[in-house]
Amino acid sequence: MTAIFLASDHAGCQLKADIADFLTQAGHQVTDLGADGSASVDYPDFGYKLASSLKGDVAARGIAICGSGIGISIAANRFSWIRAALVHDVTNARLCREHNDANVLALGERVTGAIQAIDCVQAFLDTPFAGGRHQRRIDKLSDPKLES
């Protein structure tokens, strides 16, 4: 079973809890990295914690949540082994895996409802990376000096 790590700031705690419940009921191994309440915290701390948890485990997946999803996705993407994709719908959740081999799904609690977010999580987890021509592009993300 794939390890799934969840992280949020204070503005994403409720959506994170909803997603954790869904994943646990579906039988997934879930690790909640915080935050744990509505007290204001800094999203970079949790984006970094998520990235650190994924280092060295290519099969692991992460779900990052803040108010908009923007800040925590930027924080997570600071690390070369992270490909965090901010999505708002199932199509983009599927495409971020299929074409971009995203290993982190970023969501915004203030802009995406729980039902839509859970649908996105399901699509993200169910979709394999297509490989092929997309692999060359993923390689360039890890090493910007590569040219066609």
Protein backbone atom coordinates (compact mmCIF):
# COMPACT_ATOMS: atom_id res chain seq x y z
CA MET A 1 0.00 0.00 0.00
CA THR A 2 1.25 3.45 -0.90
CA ALA A 3 2.11 5.76 2.01
CA ILE A 4 0.07 8.96 1.91
CA PHE A 5 1.22 12.03 3.85
CA LEU A 6 -1.16 14.89 4.61
CA ALA A 7 -0.09 18.40 5.59
CA SER A 8 -1.95 21.67 5.97
CA ASP A 9 -1.78 25.02 7.61
CA HIS A 10 -4.56 26.28 9.88
CA ALA A 11 -6.72 27.21 6.86
CA GLY A 12 -6.73 23.64 5.58
CA CYS A 13 -7.33 21.59 8.73
CA GLN A 14 -10.98 20.76 8.15
CA LEU A 15 -10.47 19.63 4.56
CA LYS A 16 -7.42 17.64 5.67
CA ALA A 17 -9.53 15.88 8.31
CA ASP A 18 -12.24 15.10 5.73
CA ILE A 19 -9.66 13.67 3.33
CA ALA A 20 -7.94 11.69 6.11
CA ASP A 21 -11.27 10.11 7.06
CA PHE A 22 -11.98 9.19 3.44
CA LEU A 23 -8.51 7.69 2.92
CA THR A 24 -8.55 5.77 6.20
CA GLN A 25 -11.98 4.30 5.45
CA ALA A 26 -10.65 3.28 2.01
CA GLY A 27 -7.84 1.36 3.75
CA HIS A 28 -4.91 3.66 2.93
CA GLN A 29 -1.94 4.19 5.24
CA VAL A 30 -2.23 7.88 6.19
CA THR A 31 0.22 10.04 8.12
CA ASP A 32 -1.04 13.44 9.27
CA LEU A 33 1.85 15.90 9.54
CA GLY A 34 -0.30 18.74 10.97
CA ALA A 35 -1.36 21.45 11.54
CA ASP A 36 -3.88 20.43 14.13
CA GLY A 37 -6.14 23.41 14.71
CA SER A 38 -7.25 26.89 13.82
CA ALA A 39 -4.35 28.70 15.50
CA SER A 40 -2.40 30.58 12.85
CA VAL A 41 0.68 28.75 11.56
CA ASP A 42 2.97 29.25 8.56
CA TYR A 43 2.20 27.13 5.48
CA PRO A 44 5.88 26.88 4.40
CA ASP A 45 6.66 24.90 7.56
CA PHE A 46 4.11 22.26 6.60
CA GLY A 47 5.02 22.24 2.91
CA TYR A 48 8.64 21.61 3.91
CA LYS A 49 7.61 18.91 6.39
CA LEU A 50 5.62 17.17 3.65
CA ALA A 51 8.53 17.37 1.20
CA SER A 52 10.91 15.93 3.80
CA SER A 53 8.54 13.02 4.43
CA LEU A 54 8.48 12.12 0.73
CA LYS A 55 12.24 12.25 0.19
CA GLY A 56 13.60 8.94 -0.97
CA ASP A 57 10.21 7.22 -1.34
CA VAL A 58 9.18 7.43 -4.99
CA ALA A 59 5.96 5.51 -4.33
CA ALA A 60 4.73 7.80 -1.53
CA ARG A 61 2.17 10.49 -2.22
CA GLY A 62 1.42 13.77 -0.48
CA ILE A 63 -1.61 15.96 -0.13
CA ALA A 64 -0.94 19.60 0.77
CA ILE A 65 -3.72 21.95 1.82
CA CYS A 66 -3.91 25.61 2.75
CA GLY A 67 -6.59 28.23 2.22
CA SER A 68 -5.99 28.57 -1.52
CA GLY A 69 -3.54 25.72 -2.08
CA ILE A 70 -1.14 28.17 -3.70
CA GLY A 71 1.25 28.91 -0.85
CA ILE A 72 1.74 25.35 0.34
CA SER A 73 2.26 24.12 -3.24
CA ILE A 74 4.96 26.74 -3.78
CA ALA A 75 6.62 25.70 -0.51
CA ALA A 76 6.61 22.00 -1.40
CA ASN A 77 7.90 22.66 -4.92
CA ARG A 78 11.09 24.18 -3.52
CA PHE A 79 12.49 20.62 -3.38
CA SER A 80 13.76 18.84 -6.50
CA TRP A 81 12.02 15.55 -5.68
CA ILE A 82 8.60 17.19 -5.36
CA ARG A 83 6.15 17.80 -8.18
CA ALA A 84 3.20 19.43 -6.42
CA ALA A 85 0.20 20.26 -8.55
CA LEU A 86 -2.53 22.64 -7.43
CA VAL A 87 -5.83 21.36 -8.80
CA HIS A 88 -9.47 22.35 -8.57
CA ASP A 89 -11.13 19.56 -10.54
CA VAL A 90 -10.91 15.86 -11.32
CA THR A 91 -9.57 16.38 -14.85
CA ASN A 92 -6.54 18.28 -13.60
CA ALA A 93 -6.04 15.78 -10.76
CA ARG A 94 -5.89 13.01 -13.35
CA LEU A 95 -3.66 14.94 -15.76
CA CYS A 96 -1.16 15.98 -13.09
CA ARG A 97 -0.46 12.29 -12.50
CA GLU A 98 -0.77 11.07 -16.09
CA HIS A 99 1.37 13.75 -17.74
CA ASN A 100 3.41 15.30 -14.92
CA ASP A 101 3.96 12.38 -12.53
CA ALA A 102 2.93 14.69 -9.66
CA ASN A 103 3.63 13.18 -6.27
CA VAL A 104 1.85 15.90 -4.28
CA LEU A 105 -1.72 17.03 -4.78
CA ALA A 106 -2.33 20.57 -3.55
CA LEU A 107 -5.81 21.76 -2.64
CA GLY A 108 -7.35 24.92 -1.25
CA GLU A 109 -9.95 24.54 1.48
CA ARG A 110 -11.40 28.00 0.79
CA VAL A 111 -11.86 27.33 -2.93
CA THR A 112 -12.63 23.59 -3.22
CA GLY A 113 -15.46 21.84 -1.39
CA ALA A 114 -14.89 18.56 0.42
CA ILE A 115 -16.77 16.40 -2.08
CA GLN A 116 -14.88 17.86 -5.04
CA ALA A 117 -11.57 17.59 -3.15
CA ILE A 118 -12.17 13.93 -2.32
CA ASP A 119 -13.01 13.24 -5.97
CA CYS A 120 -9.70 14.90 -6.88
CA VAL A 121 -7.83 12.79 -4.33
CA GLN A 122 -9.38 9.61 -5.75
CA ALA A 123 -8.43 10.56 -9.32
CA PHE A 124 -4.90 11.50 -8.19
CA LEU A 125 -4.38 8.15 -6.46
CA ASP A 126 -6.00 6.05 -9.21
CA THR A 127 -4.12 7.54 -12.16
CA PRO A 128 -0.75 6.12 -13.20
CA PHE A 129 1.98 8.13 -14.88
CA ALA A 130 1.78 7.61 -18.65
CA GLY A 131 5.55 7.72 -19.16
CA GLY A 132 6.66 7.78 -22.79
CA ARG A 133 7.14 11.28 -24.15
CA HIS A 134 6.18 12.69 -20.77
CA GLN A 135 9.22 11.14 -19.08
CA ARG A 136 11.60 13.39 -21.04
CA ARG A 137 9.75 16.41 -19.70
CA ILE A 138 9.81 15.13 -16.13
CA ASP A 139 13.56 14.59 -16.44
CA LYS A 140 13.92 18.26 -17.41
CA LEU A 141 12.06 19.32 -14.29
CA SER A 142 14.69 17.58 -12.19
CA ASP A 143 17.59 18.90 -14.29
CA PRO A 144 16.82 22.19 -16.10
CA LYS A 145 20.11 21.95 -18.03
CA LEU A 146 18.73 19.08 -20.14
CA GLU A 147 17.83 20.09 -23.67
CA SER A 148 15.91 18.28 -26.37
